[in-house]
């Protein structure tokens, strides 16, 4: 008759004092890891929030009118750089917020033991998740910074469209303002914004004429 094998085998040697000390230090390290990571993530979240606010404020101060003065290929590039940089920065802010605040989870002790072995393993898993989220936030910032810096350089240094000459003509109590197309054969030909047909004004009907930057 064969003897059944024991379900568990005893270790060859008992645990040493060093192993008990290492286990205690590891538990202390795990318990301190999550608060430390979340404190660091909170600082990154605050910095990212300030950075995004500063960029958006600068865009509002600069205004869309200055971007509209760029040629459309540069305007398209500027839009892509700003949208990409802000989008990635906001993603980094969201990941930093996740790392700092954590995600609300209602867990049961039996489930925690089944999934992680014990509470130390559960705390280590939470710390690892927060560390990964903080890493994503840092990487997002490293990508967003060059994109937004490139957008600033494009906005500052690319050539802008030259304003087209405008002319304001007073005739018989009325004022006509628009782009001067020609002034020959005794007639001014003016193209007004929003009108499909050009206006023809004889020289003899002009009371006053002056160049303007905008109508």
C-alpha atoms as a PDB file:
ATOM      1  CA  UNK A   1       0.000   0.000   0.000  1.00  0.00           C
ATOM      2  CA  UNK A   2       1.468   3.329  -1.111  1.00  0.00           C
ATOM      3  CA  UNK A   3       1.634   6.109   1.387  1.00  0.00           C
ATOM      4  CA  UNK A   4       0.022   9.380   0.245  1.00  0.00           C
ATOM      5  CA  UNK A   5       2.298  12.360  -0.166  1.00  0.00           C
ATOM      6  CA  UNK A   6       1.863  15.214   2.276  1.00  0.00           C
ATOM      7  CA  UNK A   7       0.016  18.237   0.926  1.00  0.00           C
ATOM      8  CA  UNK A   8       2.832  20.586   1.962  1.00  0.00           C
ATOM      9  CA  UNK A   9       6.524  20.191   2.542  1.00  0.00           C
ATOM     10  CA  UNK A  10       8.358  21.915   5.315  1.00  0.00           C
ATOM     11  CA  UNK A  11      11.327  24.085   4.281  1.00  0.00           C
ATOM     12  CA  UNK A  12      14.749  22.604   4.746  1.00  0.00           C
ATOM     13  CA  UNK A  13      15.714  25.414   7.128  1.00  0.00           C
ATOM     14  CA  UNK A  14      13.669  27.680   9.379  1.00  0.00           C
ATOM     15  CA  UNK A  15      13.382  31.396   8.518  1.00  0.00           C
ATOM     16  CA  UNK A  16      16.376  33.432   9.571  1.00  0.00           C
ATOM     17  CA  UNK A  17      16.209  36.698  11.526  1.00  0.00           C
ATOM     18  CA  UNK A  18      17.371  38.483   8.365  1.00  0.00           C
ATOM     19  CA  UNK A  19      14.383  37.170   6.399  1.00  0.00           C
ATOM     20  CA  UNK A  20      11.980  38.378   9.096  1.00  0.00           C
ATOM     21  CA  UNK A  21      13.682  41.768   9.059  1.00  0.00           C
ATOM     22  CA  UNK A  22      13.533  41.964   5.255  1.00  0.00           C
ATOM     23  CA  UNK A  23       9.845  41.069   5.315  1.00  0.00           C
ATOM     24  CA  UNK A  24       9.105  43.761   7.893  1.00  0.00           C
ATOM     25  CA  UNK A  25      11.069  46.369   5.921  1.00  0.00           C
ATOM     26  CA  UNK A  26       9.298  45.362   2.725  1.00  0.00           C
ATOM     27  CA  UNK A  27       5.911  45.838   4.366  1.00  0.00           C
ATOM     28  CA  UNK A  28       6.958  49.272   5.609  1.00  0.00           C
ATOM     29  CA  UNK A  29       8.210  50.148   2.131  1.00  0.00           C
ATOM     30  CA  UNK A  30       4.942  49.065   0.524  1.00  0.00           C
ATOM     31  CA  UNK A  31       2.873  50.984   3.060  1.00  0.00           C
ATOM     32  CA  UNK A  32       4.898  54.154   2.430  1.00  0.00           C
ATOM     33  CA  UNK A  33       5.028  53.786  -1.371  1.00  0.00           C
ATOM     34  CA  UNK A  34       1.414  54.652  -2.147  1.00  0.00           C
ATOM     35  CA  UNK A  35       1.285  57.886  -0.055  1.00  0.00           C
ATOM     36  CA  UNK A  36       4.639  59.002  -1.485  1.00  0.00           C
ATOM     37  CA  UNK A  37       3.583  58.353  -5.078  1.00  0.00           C
ATOM     38  CA  UNK A  38       0.269  60.137  -4.577  1.00  0.00           C
ATOM     39  CA  UNK A  39       1.997  63.126  -2.985  1.00  0.00           C
ATOM     40  CA  UNK A  40       4.338  63.346  -5.978  1.00  0.00           C
ATOM     41  CA  UNK A  41       1.399  62.958  -8.374  1.00  0.00           C
ATOM     42  CA  UNK A  42      -0.431  65.784  -6.604  1.00  0.00           C
ATOM     43  CA  UNK A  43       2.512  68.108  -7.284  1.00  0.00           C
ATOM     44  CA  UNK A  44       2.614  67.053 -10.921  1.00  0.00           C
ATOM     45  CA  UNK A  45      -1.145  67.549 -11.200  1.00  0.00           C
ATOM     46  CA  UNK A  46      -0.861  71.070  -9.809  1.00  0.00           C
ATOM     47  CA  UNK A  47       1.999  71.895 -12.159  1.00  0.00           C
ATOM     48  CA  UNK A  48       0.213  70.479 -15.198  1.00  0.00           C
ATOM     49  CA  UNK A  49      -2.991  72.340 -14.333  1.00  0.00           C
ATOM     50  CA  UNK A  50      -1.052  75.602 -14.070  1.00  0.00           C
ATOM     51  CA  UNK A  51       0.745  74.881 -17.336  1.00  0.00           C
ATOM     52  CA  UNK A  52      -2.485  74.169 -19.244  1.00  0.00           C
ATOM     53  CA  UNK A  53      -4.124  77.279 -17.753  1.00  0.00           C
ATOM     54  CA  UNK A  54      -1.140  79.419 -18.753  1.00  0.00           C
ATOM     55  CA  UNK A  55      -1.184  78.129 -22.331  1.00  0.00           C
ATOM     56  CA  UNK A  56      -4.938  78.633 -22.738  1.00  0.00           C
ATOM     57  CA  UNK A  57      -4.697  82.145 -21.268  1.00  0.00           C
ATOM     58  CA  UNK A  58      -1.892  82.987 -23.677  1.00  0.00           C
ATOM     59  CA  UNK A  59      -3.956  81.750 -26.611  1.00  0.00           C
ATOM     60  CA  UNK A  60      -6.903  83.907 -25.573  1.00  0.00           C
ATOM     61  CA  UNK A  61      -4.674  86.958 -25.133  1.00  0.00           C
ATOM     62  CA  UNK A  62      -3.033  86.411 -28.514  1.00  0.00           C
ATOM     63  CA  UNK A  63      -6.460  85.940 -30.024  1.00  0.00           C
ATOM     64  CA  UNK A  64      -7.626  84.147 -33.173  1.00  0.00           C
ATOM     65  CA  UNK A  65      -7.303  87.304 -35.264  1.00  0.00           C
ATOM     66  CA  UNK A  66      -3.505  87.116 -35.283  1.00  0.00           C
ATOM     67  CA  UNK A  67      -3.651  83.468 -36.343  1.00  0.00           C
ATOM     68  CA  UNK A  68      -6.066  84.393 -39.117  1.00  0.00           C
ATOM     69  CA  UNK A  69      -3.364  86.654 -40.566  1.00  0.00           C
ATOM     70  CA  UNK A  70      -1.221  83.593 -41.369  1.00  0.00           C
ATOM     71  CA  UNK A  71      -1.316  81.800 -44.692  1.00  0.00           C
ATOM     72  CA  UNK A  72      -3.569  78.748 -44.516  1.00  0.00           C
ATOM     73  CA  UNK A  73      -0.772  76.082 -44.573  1.00  0.00           C
ATOM     74  CA  UNK A  74       0.873  77.743 -41.572  1.00  0.00           C
ATOM     75  CA  UNK A  75      -2.492  78.261 -39.910  1.00  0.00           C
ATOM     76  CA  UNK A  76      -3.269  74.565 -40.355  1.00  0.00           C
ATOM     77  CA  UNK A  77       0.122  73.603 -38.893  1.00  0.00           C
ATOM     78  CA  UNK A  78      -0.396  75.967 -35.962  1.00  0.00           C
ATOM     79  CA  UNK A  79      -3.836  74.504 -35.261  1.00  0.00           C
ATOM     80  CA  UNK A  80      -2.473  70.946 -35.333  1.00  0.00           C
ATOM     81  CA  UNK A  81       0.416  71.799 -32.990  1.00  0.00           C
ATOM     82  CA  UNK A  82      -1.781  73.612 -30.468  1.00  0.00           C
ATOM     83  CA  UNK A  83      -4.538  70.985 -30.555  1.00  0.00           C
ATOM     84  CA  UNK A  84      -2.052  68.133 -30.234  1.00  0.00           C
ATOM     85  CA  UNK A  85      -0.053  69.790 -27.461  1.00  0.00           C
ATOM     86  CA  UNK A  86      -3.094  70.772 -25.420  1.00  0.00           C
ATOM     87  CA  UNK A  87      -4.762  67.393 -25.937  1.00  0.00           C
ATOM     88  CA  UNK A  88      -1.698  65.495 -24.725  1.00  0.00           C
ATOM     89  CA  UNK A  89      -1.207  67.905 -21.808  1.00  0.00           C
ATOM     90  CA  UNK A  90      -4.831  67.421 -20.725  1.00  0.00           C
ATOM     91  CA  UNK A  91      -4.368  63.642 -20.977  1.00  0.00           C
ATOM     92  CA  UNK A  92      -1.306  63.955 -18.726  1.00  0.00           C
ATOM     93  CA  UNK A  93      -3.316  66.070 -16.286  1.00  0.00           C
ATOM     94  CA  UNK A  94      -6.013  63.398 -16.169  1.00  0.00           C
ATOM     95  CA  UNK A  95      -3.458  60.632 -15.512  1.00  0.00           C
ATOM     96  CA  UNK A  96      -1.800  62.697 -12.780  1.00  0.00           C
ATOM     97  CA  UNK A  97      -5.212  63.248 -11.203  1.00  0.00           C
ATOM     98  CA  UNK A  98      -5.850  59.499 -11.280  1.00  0.00           C
ATOM     99  CA  UNK A  99      -2.497  58.835  -9.629  1.00  0.00           C
ATOM    100  CA  UNK A 100      -3.063  61.489  -6.959  1.00  0.00           C
ATOM    101  CA  UNK A 101      -6.669  60.689  -6.074  1.00  0.00           C
ATOM    102  CA  UNK A 102      -6.850  57.004  -6.905  1.00  0.00           C
ATOM    103  CA  UNK A 103      -9.917  55.228  -8.175  1.00  0.00           C
ATOM    104  CA  UNK A 104     -12.753  54.387  -5.775  1.00  0.00           C
ATOM    105  CA  UNK A 105     -12.986  50.614  -5.442  1.00  0.00           C
ATOM    106  CA  UNK A 106     -15.236  48.763  -3.024  1.00  0.00           C
ATOM    107  CA  UNK A 107     -13.380  45.543  -2.269  1.00  0.00           C
ATOM    108  CA  UNK A 108     -13.962  42.656   0.071  1.00  0.00           C
ATOM    109  CA  UNK A 109     -11.262  41.043   2.128  1.00  0.00           C
ATOM    110  CA  UNK A 110     -11.916  37.614   0.639  1.00  0.00           C
ATOM    111  CA  UNK A 111     -11.607  38.992  -2.895  1.00  0.00           C
ATOM    112  CA  UNK A 112      -8.422  40.873  -2.011  1.00  0.00           C
ATOM    113  CA  UNK A 113      -6.874  37.734  -0.582  1.00  0.00           C
ATOM    114  CA  UNK A 114      -7.935  35.726  -3.619  1.00  0.00           C
ATOM    115  CA  UNK A 115      -6.497  38.262  -6.085  1.00  0.00           C
ATOM    116  CA  UNK A 116      -3.442  39.586  -4.233  1.00  0.00           C
ATOM    117  CA  UNK A 117      -2.708  37.075  -1.485  1.00  0.00           C
ATOM    118  CA  UNK A 118      -2.862  39.584   1.365  1.00  0.00           C
ATOM    119  CA  UNK A 119      -3.255  43.276   2.105  1.00  0.00           C
ATOM    120  CA  UNK A 120       0.434  43.927   1.473  1.00  0.00           C
ATOM    121  CA  UNK A 121       0.072  42.596  -2.058  1.00  0.00           C
ATOM    122  CA  UNK A 122      -3.039  44.734  -2.546  1.00  0.00           C
ATOM    123  CA  UNK A 123      -1.215  47.872  -1.400  1.00  0.00           C
ATOM    124  CA  UNK A 124       1.709  47.020  -3.674  1.00  0.00           C
ATOM    125  CA  UNK A 125      -0.688  46.677  -6.625  1.00  0.00           C
ATOM    126  CA  UNK A 126      -2.264  50.071  -5.865  1.00  0.00           C
ATOM    127  CA  UNK A 127       1.171  51.678  -5.627  1.00  0.00           C
ATOM    128  CA  UNK A 128       2.225  50.087  -8.921  1.00  0.00           C
ATOM    129  CA  UNK A 129      -0.927  51.365 -10.658  1.00  0.00           C
ATOM    130  CA  UNK A 130      -0.394  54.888  -9.322  1.00  0.00           C
ATOM    131  CA  UNK A 131       3.270  54.791 -10.384  1.00  0.00           C
ATOM    132  CA  UNK A 132       2.285  53.798 -13.939  1.00  0.00           C
ATOM    133  CA  UNK A 133      -0.292  56.596 -14.095  1.00  0.00           C
ATOM    134  CA  UNK A 134       2.284  59.121 -12.895  1.00  0.00           C
ATOM    135  CA  UNK A 135       4.748  57.864 -15.520  1.00  0.00           C
ATOM    136  CA  UNK A 136       2.119  58.430 -18.217  1.00  0.00           C
ATOM    137  CA  UNK A 137       1.574  61.985 -16.944  1.00  0.00           C
ATOM    138  CA  UNK A 138       5.301  62.743 -17.091  1.00  0.00           C
ATOM    139  CA  UNK A 139       5.652  61.326 -20.593  1.00  0.00           C
ATOM    140  CA  UNK A 140       2.634  63.305 -21.756  1.00  0.00           C
ATOM    141  CA  UNK A 141       4.227  66.509 -20.492  1.00  0.00           C
ATOM    142  CA  UNK A 142       7.500  65.690 -22.262  1.00  0.00           C
ATOM    143  CA  UNK A 143       5.558  65.311 -25.534  1.00  0.00           C
ATOM    144  CA  UNK A 144       3.262  68.311 -25.033  1.00  0.00           C
ATOM    145  CA  UNK A 145       6.079  70.760 -24.282  1.00  0.00           C
ATOM    146  CA  UNK A 146       7.863  70.445 -27.683  1.00  0.00           C
ATOM    147  CA  UNK A 147       4.548  70.622 -29.550  1.00  0.00           C
ATOM    148  CA  UNK A 148       3.458  73.809 -27.799  1.00  0.00           C
ATOM    149  CA  UNK A 149       6.947  75.308 -28.092  1.00  0.00           C
ATOM    150  CA  UNK A 150       6.845  74.629 -31.838  1.00  0.00           C
ATOM    151  CA  UNK A 151       3.410  76.277 -31.998  1.00  0.00           C
ATOM    152  CA  UNK A 152       4.802  79.405 -30.314  1.00  0.00           C
ATOM    153  CA  UNK A 153       7.728  79.540 -32.743  1.00  0.00           C
ATOM    154  CA  UNK A 154       5.394  79.148 -35.716  1.00  0.00           C
ATOM    155  CA  UNK A 155       3.153  81.912 -34.401  1.00  0.00           C
ATOM    156  CA  UNK A 156       6.073  84.277 -33.838  1.00  0.00           C
ATOM    157  CA  UNK A 157       8.286  83.734 -36.863  1.00  0.00           C
ATOM    158  CA  UNK A 158       6.276  82.645 -39.905  1.00  0.00           C
ATOM    159  CA  UNK A 159       5.419  85.393 -42.410  1.00  0.00           C
ATOM    160  CA  UNK A 160       1.941  86.807 -42.117  1.00  0.00           C
ATOM    161  CA  UNK A 161      -0.378  87.779 -44.905  1.00  0.00           C
ATOM    162  CA  UNK A 162       0.098  91.358 -45.994  1.00  0.00           C
ATOM    163  CA  UNK A 163      -3.078  93.391 -45.556  1.00  0.00           C
ATOM    164  CA  UNK A 164      -4.689  94.265 -48.864  1.00  0.00           C
ATOM    165  CA  UNK A 165      -4.968  97.999 -49.529  1.00  0.00           C
ATOM    166  CA  UNK A 166      -8.397  99.406 -48.784  1.00  0.00           C
ATOM    167  CA  UNK A 167      -9.859 102.689 -49.927  1.00  0.00           C
ATOM    168  CA  UNK A 168     -12.729 104.768 -48.599  1.00  0.00           C
ATOM    169  CA  UNK A 169     -14.589 106.960 -51.075  1.00  0.00           C
ATOM    170  CA  UNK A 170     -17.249 109.547 -50.228  1.00  0.00           C
ATOM    171  CA  UNK A 171     -19.787 110.275 -52.947  1.00  0.00           C
ATOM    172  CA  UNK A 172     -23.046 112.204 -52.749  1.00  0.00           C
ATOM    173  CA  UNK A 173     -23.555 111.661 -49.011  1.00  0.00           C
ATOM    174  CA  UNK A 174     -22.585 107.968 -49.160  1.00  0.00           C
ATOM    175  CA  UNK A 175     -19.376 106.145 -48.329  1.00  0.00           C
ATOM    176  CA  UNK A 176     -17.962 103.193 -50.226  1.00  0.00           C
ATOM    177  CA  UNK A 177     -15.131 101.215 -48.688  1.00  0.00           C
ATOM    178  CA  UNK A 178     -13.334  98.223 -50.119  1.00  0.00           C
ATOM    179  CA  UNK A 179     -10.385  96.931 -52.109  1.00  0.00           C
ATOM    180  CA  UNK A 180      -9.267  99.181 -54.955  1.00  0.00           C
ATOM    181  CA  UNK A 181      -9.134  97.052 -58.111  1.00  0.00           C
ATOM    182  CA  UNK A 182      -8.211  99.755 -60.609  1.00  0.00           C
ATOM    183  CA  UNK A 183      -8.316 103.497 -61.224  1.00  0.00           C
ATOM    184  CA  UNK A 184      -8.187 104.089 -64.967  1.00  0.00           C
ATOM    185  CA  UNK A 185     -10.371 105.573 -67.689  1.00  0.00           C
ATOM    186  CA  UNK A 186     -11.788 108.049 -65.202  1.00  0.00           C
ATOM    187  CA  UNK A 187     -13.360 105.347 -63.006  1.00  0.00           C
ATOM    188  CA  UNK A 188     -12.560 103.747 -59.667  1.00  0.00           C
ATOM    189  CA  UNK A 189     -13.360 100.030 -59.452  1.00  0.00           C
ATOM    190  CA  UNK A 190     -13.886  98.956 -55.831  1.00  0.00           C
ATOM    191  CA  UNK A 191     -14.616  95.458 -54.487  1.00  0.00           C
ATOM    192  CA  UNK A 192     -16.548  95.611 -51.226  1.00  0.00           C
ATOM    193  CA  UNK A 193     -16.447  92.786 -48.719  1.00  0.00           C
ATOM    194  CA  UNK A 194     -19.568  90.632 -48.787  1.00  0.00           C
ATOM    195  CA  UNK A 195     -20.639  91.764 -52.263  1.00  0.00           C
ATOM    196  CA  UNK A 196     -20.198  89.733 -55.421  1.00  0.00           C
ATOM    197  CA  UNK A 197     -20.316  92.711 -57.789  1.00  0.00           C
ATOM    198  CA  UNK A 198     -17.671  95.409 -57.880  1.00  0.00           C
ATOM    199  CA  UNK A 199     -18.627  99.074 -57.632  1.00  0.00           C
ATOM    200  CA  UNK A 200     -17.653 101.601 -60.292  1.00  0.00           C
ATOM    201  CA  UNK A 201     -17.297 105.219 -59.187  1.00  0.00           C
ATOM    202  CA  UNK A 202     -16.538 108.011 -61.706  1.00  0.00           C
ATOM    203  CA  UNK A 203     -13.792 110.419 -60.725  1.00  0.00           C
ATOM    204  CA  UNK A 204     -16.210 113.317 -61.127  1.00  0.00           C
ATOM    205  CA  UNK A 205     -18.507 111.898 -58.416  1.00  0.00           C
ATOM    206  CA  UNK A 206     -15.772 111.585 -55.795  1.00  0.00           C
ATOM    207  CA  UNK A 207     -16.046 114.082 -52.935  1.00  0.00           C
ATOM    208  CA  UNK A 208     -13.350 112.617 -50.705  1.00  0.00           C
ATOM    209  CA  UNK A 209     -10.939 109.701 -51.008  1.00  0.00           C
ATOM    210  CA  UNK A 210      -8.510 108.238 -48.487  1.00  0.00           C
ATOM    211  CA  UNK A 211      -6.660 104.954 -47.929  1.00  0.00           C
ATOM    212  CA  UNK A 212      -7.610 102.902 -44.859  1.00  0.00           C
ATOM    213  CA  UNK A 213      -6.304  99.706 -43.283  1.00  0.00           C
ATOM    214  CA  UNK A 214      -9.734  98.215 -42.600  1.00  0.00           C
ATOM    215  CA  UNK A 215     -13.262  99.047 -43.645  1.00  0.00           C
END
